[in-house]
Amino acid sequence: MTKVLRCRDVGVDCDFEAKGETAEEIMNQAAKHAKEAHGMDEIPAEVVAQCQKAIRDL
């Protein structure tokens, strides 16, 4: 089943959506996006946890 994570689901005013079959795939996309679009060279552990909780099935 396809899963999704949206920036908006973690309180960021951004239309980005990461979609994939696994949480790992989605988190990799999200990390790349966070660096490129939001200038986050390192993602704090609490943000990672928040993102992992926000991943939903489509």
C-alpha atoms as a PDB file:
ATOM      1  CA  MET A   1       0.000   0.000   0.000  1.00  0.00           C
ATOM      2  CA  THR A   2       1.294   3.447  -0.865  1.00  0.00           C
ATOM      3  CA  LYS A   3       2.117   5.740   2.028  1.00  0.00           C
ATOM      4  CA  VAL A   4       2.390   9.540   2.132  1.00  0.00           C
ATOM      5  CA  LEU A   5       3.970  12.246   4.252  1.00  0.00           C
ATOM      6  CA  ARG A   6       3.056  15.891   3.736  1.00  0.00           C
ATOM      7  CA  CYS A   7       5.016  18.872   5.042  1.00  0.00           C
ATOM      8  CA  ARG A   8       1.709  20.360   6.163  1.00  0.00           C
ATOM      9  CA  ASP A   9       1.106  17.328   8.395  1.00  0.00           C
ATOM     10  CA  VAL A  10       4.092  18.383  10.503  1.00  0.00           C
ATOM     11  CA  GLY A  11       3.181  22.063  10.630  1.00  0.00           C
ATOM     12  CA  VAL A  12       5.208  23.403   7.689  1.00  0.00           C
ATOM     13  CA  ASP A  13       3.532  25.737   5.169  1.00  0.00           C
ATOM     14  CA  CYS A  14       4.651  23.714   2.136  1.00  0.00           C
ATOM     15  CA  ASP A  15       2.848  21.610  -0.479  1.00  0.00           C
ATOM     16  CA  PHE A  16       5.507  18.855  -0.652  1.00  0.00           C
ATOM     17  CA  GLU A  17       4.346  15.243  -0.463  1.00  0.00           C
ATOM     18  CA  ALA A  18       6.623  12.222  -0.202  1.00  0.00           C
ATOM     19  CA  LYS A  19       5.030   9.004  -1.445  1.00  0.00           C
ATOM     20  CA  GLY A  20       6.350   5.474  -1.326  1.00  0.00           C
ATOM     21  CA  GLU A  21       5.783   1.910  -0.292  1.00  0.00           C
ATOM     22  CA  THR A  22       7.874   2.053   2.896  1.00  0.00           C
ATOM     23  CA  ALA A  23       8.476   4.552   5.681  1.00  0.00           C
ATOM     24  CA  GLU A  24      12.206   4.395   4.924  1.00  0.00           C
ATOM     25  CA  GLU A  25      11.614   5.414   1.303  1.00  0.00           C
ATOM     26  CA  ILE A  26       9.421   8.314   2.408  1.00  0.00           C
ATOM     27  CA  MET A  27      11.877   9.483   5.064  1.00  0.00           C
ATOM     28  CA  ASN A  28      14.693   9.504   2.490  1.00  0.00           C
ATOM     29  CA  GLN A  29      12.605  11.698   0.184  1.00  0.00           C
ATOM     30  CA  ALA A  30      11.631  13.945   3.083  1.00  0.00           C
ATOM     31  CA  ALA A  31      15.244  14.365   4.217  1.00  0.00           C
ATOM     32  CA  LYS A  32      16.322  15.363   0.715  1.00  0.00           C
ATOM     33  CA  HIS A  33      13.416  17.806   0.466  1.00  0.00           C
ATOM     34  CA  ALA A  34      14.119  19.276   3.923  1.00  0.00           C
ATOM     35  CA  LYS A  35      17.708  19.982   2.918  1.00  0.00           C
ATOM     36  CA  GLU A  36      16.966  21.387  -0.545  1.00  0.00           C
ATOM     37  CA  ALA A  37      13.764  23.334   0.129  1.00  0.00           C
ATOM     38  CA  HIS A  38      14.039  24.224   3.807  1.00  0.00           C
ATOM     39  CA  GLY A  39      17.819  24.490   4.284  1.00  0.00           C
ATOM     40  CA  MET A  40      17.929  21.805   6.970  1.00  0.00           C
ATOM     41  CA  ASP A  41      21.410  20.247   6.822  1.00  0.00           C
ATOM     42  CA  GLU A  42      20.580  18.178   9.896  1.00  0.00           C
ATOM     43  CA  ILE A  43      17.113  17.117  10.936  1.00  0.00           C
ATOM     44  CA  PRO A  44      16.550  17.129  14.713  1.00  0.00           C
ATOM     45  CA  ALA A  45      15.464  13.812  16.247  1.00  0.00           C
ATOM     46  CA  GLU A  46      12.132  15.297  17.373  1.00  0.00           C
ATOM     47  CA  VAL A  47      11.349  16.352  13.789  1.00  0.00           C
ATOM     48  CA  VAL A  48      12.222  12.856  12.525  1.00  0.00           C
ATOM     49  CA  ALA A  49       9.887  11.351  15.125  1.00  0.00           C
ATOM     50  CA  GLN A  50       7.125  13.809  14.207  1.00  0.00           C
ATOM     51  CA  CYS A  51       7.508  12.926  10.522  1.00  0.00           C
ATOM     52  CA  GLN A  52       7.450   9.201  11.190  1.00  0.00           C
ATOM     53  CA  LYS A  53       4.205   9.589  13.146  1.00  0.00           C
ATOM     54  CA  ALA A  54       2.666  11.657  10.321  1.00  0.00           C
ATOM     55  CA  ILE A  55       3.158   8.999   7.607  1.00  0.00           C
ATOM     56  CA  ARG A  56      -0.265   7.760   6.478  1.00  0.00           C
ATOM     57  CA  ASP A  57      -1.604   5.120   4.106  1.00  0.00           C
ATOM     58  CA  LEU A  58      -3.187   6.452   0.934  1.00  0.00           C
END
